[in-house]
Amino acid sequence: MVKISDAILYVYAYSWTPGFCYNQNYPGCLAPQEYWKTNFTIHGLWPQYSDSSYSEDGYPSYCSSEAFDSNIINEIGYNTMMEKWPNVQSVPEDADYDSFWDHEWSKHGTCSELSQLDYFDAALNLTEYDATPDVLQQAIGQNMSADSLRDAMDNGVANSAVLQCDDSYILTGAYTCWEQQDGFPTVQVACPDKVVKEDTCYNDMIAILAL
C-alpha cells in the first residue's frame, strides 16, 4: 500500500459553483444553496507526490479496497456535507447523491492513512482555516485580476495557489497545497510543478460569475 509519508503533501481542491454551473443544468445549479453563491465548496483532498517520479500521474490513488461507509456522513452531518462538499450534479433525494463522496474516498481518501471520519473532517476543517478570500467575494459578478486572487490564496507562499478556469477566464475552482503530519494537513506549502502547471486561468483578468 502506498503511504502518505511517500506522498508528502495534499492538494486541497475547491469548486467555485457559479463558474462550474455556467451553461449547466445540473439540479444543484438550478437550486443552489446560499453558501455556494459566495464561498468555495470542496472538490476534494488529494494526496500528491512532491516528486512526479513516484508515478506518471503524480499522485497515488485507490490505495485500498476499503468501501465507503455512508454512516460516516450521517455522523458528520448530512446538511454540513451538502453545504460545504455538495454533489451539484444530483439532488439529495437521489439514491446516488453520495456517489461523489464515495468516489473521493475510494480514489483519494484511501491513500491518506486516515479513517474515513478523519479524512472527511480534515477537509471540512480546512474550510475554517482557508476561507474564501474577501477579494473573491467582493468581485462576484465582475472581473478581477487572476494574480490578485492567487496572491490572496497563497498565504505568502509562492506557487501554493493554482486557479482553474473554463475557457481560460471563467473561474471554476482552485487548488492549494498542504504539508501533512500523520495524514492530517498542517501548513500551506508550494505546490509541485505538476500541480502548478494545471493552472488553467490564462487570462490576466478572470470572470467571477454569480448564481
N, C-alpha and C. Protein backbone atom coordinates (compact mmCIF):
# COMPACT_ATOMS: atom_id res chain seq x y z
N MET A 1 0.84 -1.20 0.00
CA MET A 1 0.00 0.00 0.00
C MET A 1 0.87 1.25 0.00
N VAL A 2 0.56 2.22 -0.82
CA VAL A 2 1.27 3.49 -0.83
C VAL A 2 0.94 4.26 0.44
N LYS A 3 1.94 4.85 1.04
CA LYS A 3 1.72 5.56 2.29
C LYS A 3 1.80 7.06 2.08
N ILE A 4 1.05 7.80 2.89
CA ILE A 4 1.03 9.25 2.79
C ILE A 4 2.41 9.83 3.06
N SER A 5 3.25 9.11 3.82
CA SER A 5 4.60 9.60 4.08
C SER A 5 5.40 9.68 2.78
N ASP A 6 5.06 8.85 1.81
CA ASP A 6 5.69 8.93 0.49
C ASP A 6 5.09 10.06 -0.33
N ALA A 7 3.81 10.33 -0.11
CA ALA A 7 3.11 11.34 -0.91
C ALA A 7 3.50 12.75 -0.50
N ILE A 8 3.92 12.93 0.73
CA ILE A 8 4.45 14.19 1.26
C ILE A 8 3.38 15.24 1.55
N LEU A 9 2.47 15.49 0.62
CA LEU A 9 1.56 16.62 0.80
C LEU A 9 0.17 16.33 0.26
N TYR A 10 -0.72 17.32 0.43
CA TYR A 10 -2.08 17.25 -0.10
C TYR A 10 -2.32 18.38 -1.09
N VAL A 11 -3.12 18.10 -2.09
CA VAL A 11 -3.76 19.15 -2.88
C VAL A 11 -5.19 19.27 -2.36
N TYR A 12 -5.54 20.49 -1.96
CA TYR A 12 -6.90 20.77 -1.50
C TYR A 12 -7.62 21.45 -2.66
N ALA A 13 -8.62 20.77 -3.19
CA ALA A 13 -9.30 21.24 -4.40
C ALA A 13 -10.64 21.85 -4.05
N TYR A 14 -10.84 23.08 -4.54
CA TYR A 14 -12.08 23.81 -4.31
C TYR A 14 -12.88 23.88 -5.60
N SER A 15 -14.15 24.09 -5.46
CA SER A 15 -15.02 24.38 -6.60
C SER A 15 -15.68 25.74 -6.40
N TRP A 16 -15.67 26.56 -7.48
CA TRP A 16 -16.45 27.80 -7.47
C TRP A 16 -17.73 27.49 -8.23
N THR A 17 -18.78 27.20 -7.48
CA THR A 17 -20.02 26.68 -8.07
C THR A 17 -20.61 27.59 -9.15
N PRO A 18 -20.63 28.91 -8.97
CA PRO A 18 -21.19 29.75 -10.05
C PRO A 18 -20.50 29.55 -11.40
N GLY A 19 -19.18 29.38 -11.38
CA GLY A 19 -18.47 29.15 -12.63
C GLY A 19 -18.64 27.73 -13.13
N PHE A 20 -18.61 26.76 -12.20
CA PHE A 20 -18.82 25.36 -12.58
C PHE A 20 -20.19 25.16 -13.22
N CYS A 21 -21.17 25.90 -12.72
CA CYS A 21 -22.54 25.74 -13.19
C CYS A 21 -22.84 26.52 -14.47
N TYR A 22 -21.90 27.30 -14.96
CA TYR A 22 -22.13 28.11 -16.15
C TYR A 22 -22.53 27.22 -17.33
N ASN A 23 -23.69 27.50 -17.89
CA ASN A 23 -24.24 26.74 -19.03
C ASN A 23 -24.54 25.28 -18.69
N GLN A 24 -24.69 24.97 -17.41
CA GLN A 24 -25.03 23.61 -16.98
C GLN A 24 -26.43 23.61 -16.38
N ASN A 25 -27.10 22.48 -16.51
CA ASN A 25 -28.46 22.33 -15.97
C ASN A 25 -28.52 21.27 -14.87
N TYR A 26 -27.41 21.10 -14.15
CA TYR A 26 -27.42 20.15 -13.06
C TYR A 26 -28.43 20.59 -12.00
N PRO A 27 -29.06 19.66 -11.31
CA PRO A 27 -30.07 20.03 -10.30
C PRO A 27 -29.57 21.04 -9.27
N GLY A 28 -28.35 20.84 -8.78
CA GLY A 28 -27.82 21.78 -7.80
C GLY A 28 -27.58 23.17 -8.36
N CYS A 29 -27.29 23.24 -9.64
CA CYS A 29 -27.07 24.53 -10.29
C CYS A 29 -28.39 25.30 -10.41
N LEU A 30 -29.47 24.56 -10.57
CA LEU A 30 -30.77 25.20 -10.74
C LEU A 30 -31.38 25.61 -9.40
N ALA A 31 -30.93 25.00 -8.32
CA ALA A 31 -31.45 25.34 -6.99
C ALA A 31 -30.29 25.41 -6.00
N PRO A 32 -29.38 26.38 -6.17
CA PRO A 32 -28.18 26.45 -5.34
C PRO A 32 -28.46 26.90 -3.90
N GLN A 33 -27.67 26.40 -2.98
CA GLN A 33 -27.73 26.90 -1.61
C GLN A 33 -27.05 28.27 -1.56
N GLU A 34 -27.45 29.08 -0.58
CA GLU A 34 -26.88 30.42 -0.44
C GLU A 34 -25.37 30.37 -0.24
N TYR A 35 -24.89 29.40 0.51
CA TYR A 35 -23.46 29.28 0.80
C TYR A 35 -22.65 29.17 -0.49
N TRP A 36 -23.17 28.43 -1.47
CA TRP A 36 -22.42 28.21 -2.71
C TRP A 36 -22.25 29.49 -3.52
N LYS A 37 -23.12 30.45 -3.29
CA LYS A 37 -23.09 31.68 -4.09
C LYS A 37 -21.93 32.59 -3.73
N THR A 38 -21.40 32.44 -2.51
CA THR A 38 -20.36 33.36 -2.04
C THR A 38 -19.13 32.66 -1.49
N ASN A 39 -19.10 31.32 -1.53
CA ASN A 39 -17.98 30.59 -0.95
C ASN A 39 -17.52 29.45 -1.86
N PHE A 40 -16.23 29.19 -1.82
CA PHE A 40 -15.73 27.96 -2.41
C PHE A 40 -16.38 26.78 -1.69
N THR A 41 -16.66 25.72 -2.43
CA THR A 41 -17.03 24.45 -1.82
C THR A 41 -15.89 23.47 -2.07
N ILE A 42 -15.94 22.34 -1.41
CA ILE A 42 -14.86 21.36 -1.50
C ILE A 42 -15.06 20.46 -2.72
N HIS A 43 -14.00 20.29 -3.47
CA HIS A 43 -13.98 19.25 -4.50
C HIS A 43 -13.33 18.00 -3.93
N GLY A 44 -12.17 18.17 -3.29
CA GLY A 44 -11.55 17.01 -2.70
C GLY A 44 -10.27 17.35 -1.96
N LEU A 45 -9.75 16.39 -1.22
CA LEU A 45 -8.47 16.47 -0.52
C LEU A 45 -7.64 15.31 -1.03
N TRP A 46 -6.59 15.64 -1.82
CA TRP A 46 -5.91 14.63 -2.62
C TRP A 46 -4.45 14.48 -2.23
N PRO A 47 -4.05 13.31 -1.75
CA PRO A 47 -2.62 13.06 -1.56
C PRO A 47 -1.87 13.25 -2.88
N GLN A 48 -0.71 13.89 -2.80
CA GLN A 48 0.05 14.23 -4.00
C GLN A 48 1.54 14.03 -3.73
N TYR A 49 2.23 13.42 -4.69
CA TYR A 49 3.67 13.28 -4.55
C TYR A 49 4.36 14.63 -4.76
N SER A 50 5.38 14.91 -3.97
CA SER A 50 6.16 16.12 -4.18
C SER A 50 7.05 15.98 -5.40
N ASP A 51 7.34 14.74 -5.77
CA ASP A 51 8.20 14.45 -6.93
C ASP A 51 7.42 13.55 -7.87
N SER A 52 7.17 14.01 -9.08
CA SER A 52 6.34 13.24 -10.02
C SER A 52 7.00 11.95 -10.46
N SER A 53 8.27 11.73 -10.09
CA SER A 53 8.93 10.48 -10.47
C SER A 53 8.34 9.28 -9.74
N TYR A 54 7.54 9.55 -8.67
CA TYR A 54 6.89 8.45 -7.97
C TYR A 54 5.89 7.75 -8.88
N SER A 55 5.22 8.51 -9.73
CA SER A 55 4.26 7.93 -10.67
C SER A 55 4.01 8.91 -11.81
N GLU A 56 3.55 8.39 -12.92
CA GLU A 56 3.27 9.25 -14.07
C GLU A 56 2.17 10.25 -13.75
N ASP A 57 1.17 9.84 -12.97
CA ASP A 57 0.07 10.72 -12.63
C ASP A 57 0.46 11.80 -11.62
N GLY A 58 1.48 11.51 -10.84
CA GLY A 58 1.91 12.46 -9.82
C GLY A 58 1.21 12.29 -8.49
N TYR A 59 0.30 11.33 -8.39
CA TYR A 59 -0.42 11.12 -7.14
C TYR A 59 -0.79 9.65 -6.99
N PRO A 60 -0.92 9.18 -5.74
CA PRO A 60 -1.40 7.82 -5.50
C PRO A 60 -2.91 7.78 -5.60
N SER A 61 -3.47 6.65 -5.92
CA SER A 61 -4.93 6.53 -5.99
C SER A 61 -5.35 5.08 -5.72
N TYR A 62 -6.57 4.95 -5.21
CA TYR A 62 -7.16 3.64 -4.93
C TYR A 62 -6.17 2.76 -4.17
N CYS A 63 -5.75 3.24 -3.00
CA CYS A 63 -4.70 2.57 -2.24
C CYS A 63 -5.20 1.39 -1.42
N SER A 64 -6.49 1.26 -1.24
CA SER A 64 -7.04 0.09 -0.56
C SER A 64 -8.45 -0.16 -1.08
N SER A 65 -9.00 -1.29 -0.70
CA SER A 65 -10.35 -1.65 -1.14
C SER A 65 -11.39 -1.34 -0.07
N GLU A 66 -11.02 -0.53 0.93
CA GLU A 66 -11.97 -0.19 1.99
C GLU A 66 -13.16 0.57 1.42
N ALA A 67 -14.33 0.00 1.56
CA ALA A 67 -15.54 0.57 0.97
C ALA A 67 -15.98 1.82 1.72
N PHE A 68 -16.55 2.75 0.97
CA PHE A 68 -17.13 3.96 1.55
C PHE A 68 -18.26 3.59 2.50
N ASP A 69 -18.27 4.22 3.67
CA ASP A 69 -19.30 3.97 4.69
C ASP A 69 -20.19 5.20 4.79
N SER A 70 -21.39 5.11 4.27
CA SER A 70 -22.30 6.27 4.26
C SER A 70 -22.69 6.70 5.67
N ASN A 71 -22.53 5.82 6.67
CA ASN A 71 -22.85 6.20 8.04
C ASN A 71 -21.94 7.32 8.54
N ILE A 72 -20.75 7.40 7.96
CA ILE A 72 -19.82 8.46 8.33
C ILE A 72 -20.42 9.83 8.02
N ILE A 73 -21.11 9.92 6.90
CA ILE A 73 -21.73 11.19 6.50
C ILE A 73 -22.80 11.59 7.51
N ASN A 74 -23.55 10.63 7.97
CA ASN A 74 -24.56 10.92 8.99
C ASN A 74 -23.91 11.39 10.29
N GLU A 75 -22.74 10.83 10.60
CA GLU A 75 -22.04 11.21 11.82
C GLU A 75 -21.52 12.65 11.72
N ILE A 76 -21.03 13.01 10.55
CA ILE A 76 -20.54 14.38 10.34
C ILE A 76 -21.71 15.36 10.30
N GLY A 77 -22.76 14.93 9.63
CA GLY A 77 -23.93 15.79 9.43
C GLY A 77 -24.19 15.96 7.95
N TYR A 78 -25.29 15.40 7.50
CA TYR A 78 -25.62 15.42 6.07
C TYR A 78 -25.74 16.86 5.57
N ASN A 79 -26.34 17.73 6.34
CA ASN A 79 -26.52 19.11 5.91
C ASN A 79 -25.19 19.83 5.76
N THR A 80 -24.26 19.53 6.66
CA THR A 80 -22.92 20.13 6.56
C THR A 80 -22.24 19.69 5.28
N MET A 81 -22.32 18.41 4.97
CA MET A 81 -21.70 17.89 3.76
C MET A 81 -22.36 18.46 2.51
N MET A 82 -23.67 18.57 2.51
CA MET A 82 -24.36 19.11 1.33
C MET A 82 -24.03 20.58 1.13
N GLU A 83 -23.79 21.31 2.20
CA GLU A 83 -23.46 22.73 2.09
C GLU A 83 -22.02 22.93 1.62
N LYS A 84 -21.09 22.24 2.26
CA LYS A 84 -19.67 22.52 2.02
C LYS A 84 -18.99 21.57 1.04
N TRP A 85 -19.59 20.41 0.80
CA TRP A 85 -18.99 19.44 -0.12
C TRP A 85 -20.10 18.84 -0.99
N PRO A 86 -20.81 19.68 -1.72
CA PRO A 86 -22.04 19.23 -2.39
C PRO A 86 -21.79 18.45 -3.68
N ASN A 87 -22.74 17.64 -4.02
CA ASN A 87 -22.80 16.98 -5.33
C ASN A 87 -23.85 17.73 -6.14
N VAL A 88 -23.43 18.77 -6.85
CA VAL A 88 -24.40 19.62 -7.55
C VAL A 88 -24.98 18.94 -8.78
N GLN A 89 -24.41 17.80 -9.16
CA GLN A 89 -24.94 17.09 -10.32
C GLN A 89 -26.12 16.19 -9.95
N SER A 90 -26.50 16.23 -8.68
CA SER A 90 -27.59 15.39 -8.22
C SER A 90 -28.43 16.18 -7.22
N VAL A 91 -29.43 15.54 -6.66
CA VAL A 91 -30.24 16.14 -5.60
C VAL A 91 -30.25 15.18 -4.42
N PRO A 92 -30.41 15.71 -3.20
CA PRO A 92 -30.32 14.86 -2.02
C PRO A 92 -31.29 13.67 -2.04
N GLU A 93 -32.40 13.83 -2.75
CA GLU A 93 -33.39 12.74 -2.78
C GLU A 93 -32.92 11.56 -3.63
N ASP A 94 -31.91 11.76 -4.47
CA ASP A 94 -31.42 10.68 -5.33
C ASP A 94 -30.65 9.66 -4.51
N ALA A 95 -30.84 8.40 -4.84
CA ALA A 95 -30.15 7.33 -4.12
C ALA A 95 -28.64 7.41 -4.29
N ASP A 96 -28.18 8.01 -5.40
CA ASP A 96 -26.75 8.05 -5.66
C ASP A 96 -26.12 9.40 -5.29
N TYR A 97 -26.80 10.20 -4.47
CA TYR A 97 -26.26 11.52 -4.13
C TYR A 97 -24.87 11.42 -3.51
N ASP A 98 -24.65 10.38 -2.69
CA ASP A 98 -23.36 10.27 -2.02
C ASP A 98 -22.29 9.61 -2.89
N SER A 99 -22.57 9.39 -4.18
CA SER A 99 -21.59 8.78 -5.08
C SER A 99 -20.34 9.64 -5.22
N PHE A 100 -20.50 10.96 -5.10
CA PHE A 100 -19.36 11.87 -5.19
C PHE A 100 -18.41 11.64 -4.01
N TRP A 101 -18.98 11.53 -2.80
CA TRP A 101 -18.16 11.29 -1.61
C TRP A 101 -17.54 9.90 -1.67
N ASP A 102 -18.29 8.94 -2.18
CA ASP A 102 -17.78 7.59 -2.37
C ASP A 102 -16.55 7.63 -3.27
N HIS A 103 -16.65 8.36 -4.38
CA HIS A 103 -15.53 8.46 -5.32
C HIS A 103 -14.32 9.12 -4.67
N GLU A 104 -14.54 10.22 -3.94
CA GLU A 104 -13.41 10.92 -3.33
C GLU A 104 -12.72 10.05 -2.28
N TRP A 105 -13.51 9.30 -1.50
CA TRP A 105 -12.89 8.40 -0.53
C TRP A 105 -12.13 7.29 -1.23
N SER A 106 -12.77 6.63 -2.18
CA SER A 106 -12.17 5.46 -2.81
C SER A 106 -10.89 5.80 -3.57
N LYS A 107 -10.92 6.90 -4.31
CA LYS A 107 -9.76 7.26 -5.13
C LYS A 107 -8.67 7.96 -4.32
N HIS A 108 -9.06 8.85 -3.43
CA HIS A 108 -8.07 9.68 -2.74
C HIS A 108 -7.97 9.39 -1.24
N GLY A 109 -9.10 9.26 -0.57
CA GLY A 109 -9.08 9.08 0.87
C GLY A 109 -8.38 7.82 1.31
N THR A 110 -8.46 6.76 0.51
CA THR A 110 -7.81 5.50 0.88
C THR A 110 -6.29 5.63 0.87
N CYS A 111 -5.76 6.69 0.31
CA CYS A 111 -4.31 6.93 0.29
C CYS A 111 -3.87 7.90 1.39
N SER A 112 -4.79 8.27 2.26
CA SER A 112 -4.49 9.30 3.26
C SER A 112 -3.98 8.74 4.58
N GLU A 113 -4.13 7.45 4.81
CA GLU A 113 -3.81 6.80 6.08
C GLU A 113 -4.73 7.26 7.21
N LEU A 114 -5.79 7.98 6.87
CA LEU A 114 -6.76 8.43 7.86
C LEU A 114 -7.99 7.53 7.83
N SER A 115 -8.71 7.50 8.95
CA SER A 115 -10.01 6.85 8.94
C SER A 115 -10.94 7.67 8.06
N GLN A 116 -12.06 7.12 7.68
CA GLN A 116 -13.00 7.87 6.84
C GLN A 116 -13.49 9.12 7.55
N LEU A 117 -13.80 8.99 8.83
CA LEU A 117 -14.28 10.15 9.58
C LEU A 117 -13.20 11.24 9.62
N ASP A 118 -11.97 10.86 9.91
CA ASP A 118 -10.89 11.83 9.99
C ASP A 118 -10.60 12.46 8.63
N TYR A 119 -10.70 11.67 7.56
CA TYR A 119 -10.44 12.19 6.22
C TYR A 119 -11.44 13.29 5.85
N PHE A 120 -12.72 13.00 6.00
CA PHE A 120 -13.74 13.99 5.65
C PHE A 120 -13.68 15.20 6.59
N ASP A 121 -13.44 14.94 7.87
CA ASP A 121 -13.33 16.04 8.84
C ASP A 121 -12.14 16.94 8.51
N ALA A 122 -11.02 16.33 8.10
CA ALA A 122 -9.82 17.11 7.79
C ALA A 122 -10.09 18.08 6.65
N ALA A 123 -10.80 17.63 5.63
CA ALA A 123 -11.13 18.50 4.50
C ALA A 123 -12.09 19.60 4.94
N LEU A 124 -13.08 19.26 5.72
CA LEU A 124 -14.04 20.25 6.20
C LEU A 124 -13.37 21.29 7.10
N ASN A 125 -12.43 20.85 7.92
CA ASN A 125 -11.77 21.78 8.83
C ASN A 125 -10.95 22.82 8.09
N LEU A 126 -10.44 22.45 6.92
CA LEU A 126 -9.66 23.41 6.14
C LEU A 126 -10.51 24.58 5.66
N THR A 127 -11.81 24.38 5.56
CA THR A 127 -12.67 25.50 5.15
C THR A 127 -12.69 26.59 6.22
N GLU A 128 -12.36 26.23 7.45
CA GLU A 128 -12.31 27.22 8.53
C GLU A 128 -11.01 28.01 8.49
N TYR A 129 -9.91 27.32 8.14
CA TYR A 129 -8.60 27.96 8.15
C TYR A 129 -8.25 28.58 6.80
N ASP A 130 -8.84 28.08 5.75
CA ASP A 130 -8.51 28.52 4.40
C ASP A 130 -9.78 29.01 3.73
N ALA A 131 -10.36 30.03 4.30
CA ALA A 131 -11.67 30.52 3.88
C ALA A 131 -11.61 31.19 2.51
N THR A 132 -12.76 31.36 1.91
CA THR A 132 -12.87 32.05 0.63
C THR A 132 -12.37 33.49 0.80
N PRO A 133 -11.41 33.93 -0.02
CA PRO A 133 -10.84 35.28 0.17
C PRO A 133 -11.88 36.38 -0.01
N ASP A 134 -11.74 37.44 0.77
CA ASP A 134 -12.64 38.59 0.64
C ASP A 134 -12.60 39.18 -0.76
N VAL A 135 -11.41 39.20 -1.37
CA VAL A 135 -11.29 39.82 -2.70
C VAL A 135 -12.12 39.07 -3.74
N LEU A 136 -12.28 37.77 -3.53
CA LEU A 136 -13.12 36.98 -4.43
C LEU A 136 -14.60 37.32 -4.19
N GLN A 137 -14.99 37.34 -2.94
CA GLN A 137 -16.39 37.63 -2.63
C GLN A 137 -16.79 39.03 -3.09
N GLN A 138 -15.85 39.97 -3.00
CA GLN A 138 -16.13 41.34 -3.43
C GLN A 138 -16.21 41.47 -4.95
N ALA A 139 -15.68 40.49 -5.67
CA ALA A 139 -15.65 40.56 -7.14
C ALA A 139 -16.77 39.75 -7.79
N ILE A 140 -17.66 39.17 -7.01
CA ILE A 140 -18.72 38.33 -7.58
C ILE A 140 -19.56 39.15 -8.56
N GLY A 141 -19.73 38.59 -9.75
CA GLY A 141 -20.46 39.28 -10.80
C GLY A 141 -19.60 40.23 -11.61
N GLN A 142 -18.29 40.25 -11.34
CA GLN A 142 -17.38 41.15 -12.03
C GLN A 142 -16.15 40.37 -12.50
N ASN A 143 -15.20 41.10 -13.08
CA ASN A 143 -13.90 40.54 -13.41
C ASN A 143 -12.89 40.97 -12.36
N MET A 144 -11.86 40.15 -12.18
CA MET A 144 -10.79 40.51 -11.26
C MET A 144 -9.47 39.99 -11.80
N SER A 145 -8.39 40.49 -11.25
CA SER A 145 -7.06 40.04 -11.62
C SER A 145 -6.82 38.62 -11.13
N ALA A 146 -6.38 37.75 -12.02
CA ALA A 146 -6.08 36.38 -11.62
C ALA A 146 -4.95 36.36 -10.61
N ASP A 147 -3.95 37.19 -10.81
CA ASP A 147 -2.82 37.21 -9.88
C ASP A 147 -3.23 37.70 -8.49
N SER A 148 -4.20 38.64 -8.44
CA SER A 148 -4.63 39.12 -7.13
C SER A 148 -5.35 38.02 -6.35
N LEU A 149 -6.05 37.13 -7.05
CA LEU A 149 -6.70 36.01 -6.37
C LEU A 149 -5.66 34.99 -5.93
N ARG A 150 -4.68 34.71 -6.79
CA ARG A 150 -3.61 33.79 -6.39
C ARG A 150 -2.90 34.33 -5.15
N ASP A 151 -2.60 35.64 -5.15
CA ASP A 151 -1.92 36.24 -4.00
C ASP A 151 -2.76 36.15 -2.73
N ALA A 152 -4.08 36.30 -2.87
CA ALA A 152 -4.96 36.25 -1.71
C ALA A 152 -5.08 34.83 -1.14
N MET A 153 -4.75 33.83 -1.97
CA MET A 153 -4.91 32.44 -1.54
C MET A 153 -3.61 31.77 -1.15
N ASP A 154 -2.47 32.40 -1.46
CA ASP A 154 -1.21 31.67 -1.24
C ASP A 154 -0.62 31.85 0.15
N ASN A 155 -1.22 32.71 0.98
CA ASN A 155 -0.74 32.92 2.35
C ASN A 155 0.75 33.20 2.40
N GLY A 156 1.24 33.93 1.40
CA GLY A 156 2.64 34.33 1.37
C GLY A 156 3.59 33.27 0.89
N VAL A 157 3.07 32.13 0.42
CA VAL A 157 3.91 31.04 -0.07
C VAL A 157 3.79 30.98 -1.59
N ALA A 158 4.86 31.26 -2.30
CA ALA A 158 4.83 31.29 -3.76
C ALA A 158 4.42 29.94 -4.34
N ASN A 159 3.64 29.99 -5.40
CA ASN A 159 3.22 28.78 -6.13
C ASN A 159 2.44 27.79 -5.26
N SER A 160 1.71 28.33 -4.29
CA SER A 160 0.91 27.43 -3.43
C SER A 160 -0.58 27.56 -3.70
N ALA A 161 -0.95 28.38 -4.70
CA ALA A 161 -2.36 28.53 -5.09
C ALA A 161 -2.44 28.46 -6.61
N VAL A 162 -3.29 27.58 -7.09
CA VAL A 162 -3.44 27.31 -8.52
C VAL A 162 -4.91 27.49 -8.88
N LEU A 163 -5.18 28.22 -9.94
CA LEU A 163 -6.56 28.51 -10.32
C LEU A 163 -7.03 27.61 -11.45
N GLN A 164 -8.33 27.37 -11.48
CA GLN A 164 -8.96 26.59 -12.54
C GLN A 164 -10.01 27.45 -13.24
N CYS A 165 -9.93 27.51 -14.55
CA CYS A 165 -10.87 28.31 -15.34
C CYS A 165 -11.41 27.52 -16.51
N ASP A 166 -12.63 27.85 -16.90
CA ASP A 166 -13.23 27.33 -18.12
C ASP A 166 -13.06 28.41 -19.19
N ASP A 167 -12.73 28.00 -20.40
CA ASP A 167 -12.48 28.96 -21.48
C ASP A 167 -11.40 29.96 -21.11
N SER A 168 -10.48 29.57 -20.23
CA SER A 168 -9.31 30.36 -19.84
C SER A 168 -9.60 31.53 -18.91
N TYR A 169 -10.88 31.91 -18.74
CA TYR A 169 -11.13 33.12 -17.97
C TYR A 169 -12.31 33.04 -17.01
N ILE A 170 -13.13 32.00 -17.05
CA ILE A 170 -14.25 31.88 -16.11
C ILE A 170 -13.82 30.98 -14.95
N LEU A 171 -13.70 31.56 -13.76
CA LEU A 171 -13.23 30.80 -12.61
C LEU A 171 -14.20 29.66 -12.29
N THR A 172 -13.65 28.46 -12.16
CA THR A 172 -14.45 27.29 -11.77
C THR A 172 -13.95 26.63 -10.50
N GLY A 173 -12.72 26.94 -10.10
CA GLY A 173 -12.19 26.32 -8.90
C GLY A 173 -10.76 26.72 -8.64
N ALA A 174 -10.13 26.07 -7.68
CA ALA A 174 -8.75 26.39 -7.31
C ALA A 174 -8.15 25.21 -6.55
N TYR A 175 -6.82 25.21 -6.47
CA TYR A 175 -6.09 24.24 -5.66
C TYR A 175 -5.16 25.01 -4.71
N THR A 176 -5.01 24.52 -3.50
CA THR A 176 -3.90 24.92 -2.64
C THR A 176 -3.20 23.65 -2.18
N CYS A 177 -1.94 23.78 -1.76
CA CYS A 177 -1.15 22.61 -1.39
C CYS A 177 -0.76 22.70 0.09
N TRP A 178 -0.77 21.54 0.73
CA TRP A 178 -0.61 21.49 2.19
C TRP A 178 0.33 20.37 2.61
N GLU A 179 1.26 20.73 3.50
CA GLU A 179 2.08 19.72 4.15
C GLU A 179 1.19 18.88 5.04
N GLN A 180 1.64 17.68 5.37
CA GLN A 180 0.83 16.86 6.26
C GLN A 180 1.68 16.27 7.37
N GLN A 181 1.02 15.95 8.46
CA GLN A 181 1.65 15.24 9.56
C GLN A 181 0.70 14.17 10.03
N ASP A 182 1.16 12.93 9.99
CA ASP A 182 0.34 11.78 10.38
C ASP A 182 -0.96 11.73 9.58
N GLY A 183 -0.91 12.20 8.34
CA GLY A 183 -2.07 12.14 7.46
C GLY A 183 -2.96 13.36 7.50
N PHE A 184 -2.72 14.29 8.44
CA PHE A 184 -3.55 15.48 8.55
C PHE A 184 -2.85 16.68 7.88
N PRO A 185 -3.58 17.46 7.09
CA PRO A 185 -2.99 18.66 6.51
C PRO A 185 -2.63 19.65 7.60
N THR A 186 -1.45 20.30 7.46
CA THR A 186 -0.98 21.18 8.52
C THR A 186 -0.77 22.61 8.03
N VAL A 187 0.27 22.84 7.23
CA VAL A 187 0.57 24.20 6.78
C VAL A 187 0.62 24.24 5.25
N GLN A 188 0.31 25.40 4.70
CA GLN A 188 0.31 25.57 3.26
C GLN A 188 1.74 25.62 2.74
N VAL A 189 1.98 24.93 1.63
CA VAL A 189 3.32 24.85 1.04
C VAL A 189 3.23 25.04 -0.47
N ALA A 190 4.38 25.24 -1.09
CA ALA A 190 4.43 25.35 -2.55
C ALA A 190 3.95 24.06 -3.19
N CYS A 191 3.21 24.19 -4.26
CA CYS A 191 2.72 23.02 -5.00
C CYS A 191 3.82 22.45 -5.88
N PRO A 192 3.82 21.15 -6.11
CA PRO A 192 4.74 20.56 -7.08
C PRO A 192 4.52 21.17 -8.46
N ASP A 193 5.57 21.15 -9.27
CA ASP A 193 5.47 21.74 -10.61
C ASP A 193 4.31 21.16 -11.41
N LYS A 194 4.08 19.87 -11.23
CA LYS A 194 3.00 19.23 -11.99
C LYS A 194 1.64 19.85 -11.66
N VAL A 195 1.46 20.26 -10.41
CA VAL A 195 0.20 20.89 -10.00
C VAL A 195 0.16 22.33 -10.48
N VAL A 196 1.27 23.05 -10.34
CA VAL A 196 1.32 24.44 -10.80
C VAL A 196 0.96 24.53 -12.28
N LYS A 197 1.41 23.55 -13.05
CA LYS A 197 1.16 23.56 -14.49
C LYS A 197 -0.30 23.27 -14.83
N GLU A 198 -1.10 22.89 -13.82
CA GLU A 198 -2.52 22.65 -14.05
C GLU A 198 -3.35 23.91 -13.93
N ASP A 199 -2.70 25.05 -13.69
CA ASP A 199 -3.41 26.33 -13.66
C ASP A 199 -3.95 26.62 -15.06
N THR A 200 -5.26 26.78 -15.17
CA THR A 200 -5.89 26.98 -16.48
C THR A 200 -6.52 28.37 -16.63
N CYS A 201 -6.17 29.30 -15.74
CA CYS A 201 -6.65 30.68 -15.87
C CYS A 201 -5.56 31.47 -16.60
N TYR A 202 -5.62 31.45 -17.91
CA TYR A 202 -4.55 32.00 -18.72
C TYR A 202 -4.67 33.51 -18.94
N ASN A 203 -5.85 34.06 -18.72
CA ASN A 203 -6.04 35.50 -18.90
C ASN A 203 -5.60 36.28 -17.66
N ASP A 204 -5.17 37.52 -17.87
CA ASP A 204 -4.82 38.38 -16.74
C ASP A 204 -6.04 38.68 -15.88
N MET A 205 -7.20 38.87 -16.54
CA MET A 205 -8.44 39.13 -15.83
C MET A 205 -9.36 37.94 -15.99
N ILE A 206 -9.99 37.55 -14.90
CA ILE A 206 -10.90 36.40 -14.92
C ILE A 206 -12.28 36.81 -14.45
N ALA A 207 -13.28 36.08 -14.92
CA ALA A 207 -14.69 36.38 -14.60
C ALA A 207 -15.11 35.60 -13.36
N ILE A 208 -15.64 36.32 -12.39
CA ILE A 208 -16.17 35.70 -11.17
C ILE A 208 -17.70 35.72 -11.30
N LEU A 209 -18.24 34.66 -11.86
CA LEU A 209 -19.67 34.63 -12.14
C LEU A 209 -20.48 34.52 -10.86
N ALA A 210 -21.74 34.93 -10.96
CA ALA A 210 -22.68 34.84 -9.83
C ALA A 210 -23.76 33.83 -10.17
N LEU A 211 -24.36 33.27 -9.13
CA LEU A 211 -25.51 32.38 -9.30
C LEU A 211 -26.79 33.16 -9.02
